Protein backbone atom coordinates (compact mmCIF):
# COMPACT_ATOMS: atom_id res chain seq x y z
CA MET A 1 0.00 0.00 0.00
CA GLY A 2 2.99 2.34 0.51
CA SER A 3 3.62 3.01 -3.19
CA LEU A 4 -0.08 3.41 -3.87
CA THR A 5 -0.35 5.88 -1.01
CA TRP A 6 2.46 7.99 -2.50
CA LEU A 7 0.83 7.90 -5.93
CA LEU A 8 -2.49 9.02 -4.45
CA GLN A 9 -0.80 11.77 -2.46
CA TRP A 10 0.89 13.54 -5.38
CA PRO A 11 -2.23 14.95 -7.08
CA ILE A 12 -3.73 15.79 -3.69
CA ARG A 13 -0.55 17.58 -2.64
CA ALA A 14 -0.59 19.41 -6.00
CA LEU A 15 -4.12 20.64 -5.27
CA ILE A 16 -2.96 21.71 -1.81
CA LEU A 17 -0.08 23.63 -3.42
CA LEU A 18 -2.60 25.39 -5.66
CA LEU A 19 -4.63 26.26 -2.56
CA VAL A 20 -1.50 27.63 -0.87
CA ALA A 21 -0.88 29.76 -3.97
CA ARG A 22 -4.34 31.31 -3.47
CA LEU A 23 -3.41 32.41 0.05
CA PRO A 24 -1.69 35.79 0.57
CA VAL A 25 1.71 34.27 1.34
CA GLY A 26 3.59 35.14 -1.84
CA VAL A 27 3.52 31.70 -3.49
CA GLU A 28 2.69 31.55 -7.20
CA LEU A 29 1.94 28.47 -9.28
CA ALA A 30 1.26 28.89 -12.99
CA SER A 31 -0.80 25.73 -13.49
CA PHE A 32 -1.87 22.37 -12.12
CA SER A 33 0.96 20.72 -14.05
CA ALA A 34 3.48 23.04 -12.33
CA ALA A 35 1.87 22.18 -8.99
CA LEU A 36 1.96 18.44 -9.75
CA LEU A 37 5.60 18.61 -10.81
CA SER A 38 6.40 20.66 -7.70
CA ALA A 39 4.72 18.11 -5.42
CA ILE A 40 6.70 15.33 -7.07
CA VAL A 41 9.97 17.28 -6.86
CA ILE A 42 9.40 18.10 -3.18
CA ALA A 43 8.89 14.41 -2.41
CA LEU A 44 11.81 13.24 -4.56
CA LEU A 45 14.19 15.86 -3.17
CA GLY A 46 13.21 14.80 0.33
CA THR A 47 13.96 11.19 -0.54
CA LEU A 48 17.30 12.07 -2.15
CA LEU A 49 18.30 14.37 0.71
CA ILE A 50 17.41 11.94 3.51
CA TYR A 51 20.99 11.23 4.57
CA PRO A 52 22.43 14.75 4.19
CA LEU A 53 19.48 16.22 6.13
CA LYS A 54 19.74 13.52 8.76
CA LEU A 55 23.47 14.17 9.17
CA LEU A 56 22.98 17.93 9.24
CA LEU A 57 19.85 18.26 11.38
CA GLY A 58 19.77 14.99 13.32
CA PRO A 59 22.26 15.85 16.07
CA ILE A 60 20.80 19.33 16.54
CA TRP A 61 17.28 17.86 16.68
CA PHE A 62 18.35 15.16 19.16
CA VAL A 63 19.90 17.65 21.59
CA SER A 64 17.22 20.34 21.29
CA SER A 65 14.29 17.92 21.60
CA LEU A 66 15.88 15.77 24.33
CA GLY A 67 15.87 12.78 22.02
CA GLY A 68 12.36 13.39 20.74
CA LEU A 69 10.71 14.05 24.10
CA ILE A 70 9.76 17.61 23.16
CA SER A 71 7.27 17.35 20.28
CA PRO A 72 7.18 21.05 19.26
CA VAL A 73 10.90 20.88 18.48
CA SER A 74 10.24 17.92 16.17
CA PHE A 75 7.52 19.95 14.45
CA LEU A 76 9.95 22.84 13.94
CA PHE A 77 12.55 20.55 12.37
CA ASN A 78 9.90 19.02 10.09
CA TRP A 79 8.88 22.54 9.12
CA LEU A 80 12.50 23.51 8.47
CA ILE A 81 12.86 20.52 6.15
CA THR A 82 9.66 21.52 4.37
CA ILE A 83 10.98 25.09 3.95
CA ILE A 84 14.19 23.74 2.41
CA LEU A 85 12.33 21.40 0.05
CA PHE A 86 9.73 24.06 -0.82
CA SER A 87 12.48 26.55 -1.67
CA LEU A 88 14.44 24.06 -3.76
CA ALA A 89 11.32 23.07 -5.71
CA ALA A 90 10.50 26.73 -6.41
CA TRP A 91 14.06 27.25 -7.60
CA LEU A 92 13.94 24.21 -9.89
CA ILE A 93 10.39 24.34 -11.30
CA LYS A 94 9.37 26.87 -13.91
CA GLY A 95 5.96 28.20 -12.93
CA PHE A 96 6.56 27.91 -9.15
CA ARG A 97 7.68 31.21 -7.62
CA LEU A 98 8.21 32.60 -4.16
CA HIS A 99 7.57 36.34 -4.50
CA ASN A 100 8.96 37.33 -1.12
CA GLY A 101 11.86 34.86 -0.97
CA LEU A 102 12.41 33.32 2.43
CA ILE A 103 9.25 34.85 3.92
CA SER A 104 7.14 33.22 1.20
CA ALA A 105 9.00 29.94 1.69
CA ILE A 106 8.37 30.00 5.45
CA LEU A 107 4.69 30.92 5.18
CA GLY A 108 4.08 28.69 2.18
CA ALA A 109 5.78 25.71 3.82
CA LEU A 110 3.75 26.23 6.99
CA ALA A 111 0.48 26.42 5.06
CA TYR A 112 1.48 23.44 2.91
CA SER A 113 2.42 21.34 5.96
CA VAL A 114 -0.72 22.14 7.92
CA LEU A 115 -3.11 21.73 4.99
CA SER A 116 -1.40 18.52 3.85
CA SER A 117 -1.62 17.03 7.33
CA LEU A 118 -5.28 17.97 7.69
CA VAL A 119 -6.44 16.87 4.24
CA LEU A 120 -4.35 13.70 3.98
CA GLY A 121 -5.10 12.77 7.58
CA TRP A 122 -8.81 13.18 6.94
CA MET A 123 -8.45 10.96 3.86
CA GLY A 124 -6.41 8.34 5.74
CA LEU A 125 -3.39 8.92 3.50
CA ASP A 126 -1.22 10.81 5.97
CA VAL A 127 2.42 9.75 5.95
CA PRO A 128 5.43 12.03 6.42
CA LEU A 129 6.01 14.35 3.47
CA THR A 130 9.32 12.63 2.92
CA ARG A 131 11.41 9.92 4.43
CA ALA A 132 13.85 12.71 5.28
CA MET A 133 11.33 14.25 7.65
CA ALA A 134 10.76 10.93 9.36
CA ALA A 135 14.51 10.38 9.66
CA ALA A 136 15.28 13.88 10.94
CA SER A 137 12.54 13.68 13.54
CA GLY A 138 13.58 10.19 14.60
CA VAL A 139 10.39 8.52 13.36
CA GLY A 140 12.00 6.47 10.55
């Protein structure tokens, strides 16, 4: 079911990206195809960056969250990963822009994370955005 879940998530995450683009956070998506490609790139980058992100953020996360005992710290690290992936996707994908740079990345990633969790959780498809998030937060 894991692969099927990922395949079902991509178009849903693309629709969520389009919704984020409608919010006043400075995110622009030119089309559904740009949103779909962006959702795929965000997931693939997260998968490719699992070990570098784990090496970079893992020790900091472990110390600051007392080994995962402090949940808000884990949320912040997941959000930081989403900001990184969101920014990289916007940089790589034509038709995906962050008008206000880092501010748009921060607000867009927050909206994307929250909406994705709510919608995918409601649909029973909620899994971490990437394996990198699970690894950095100690889940995977």
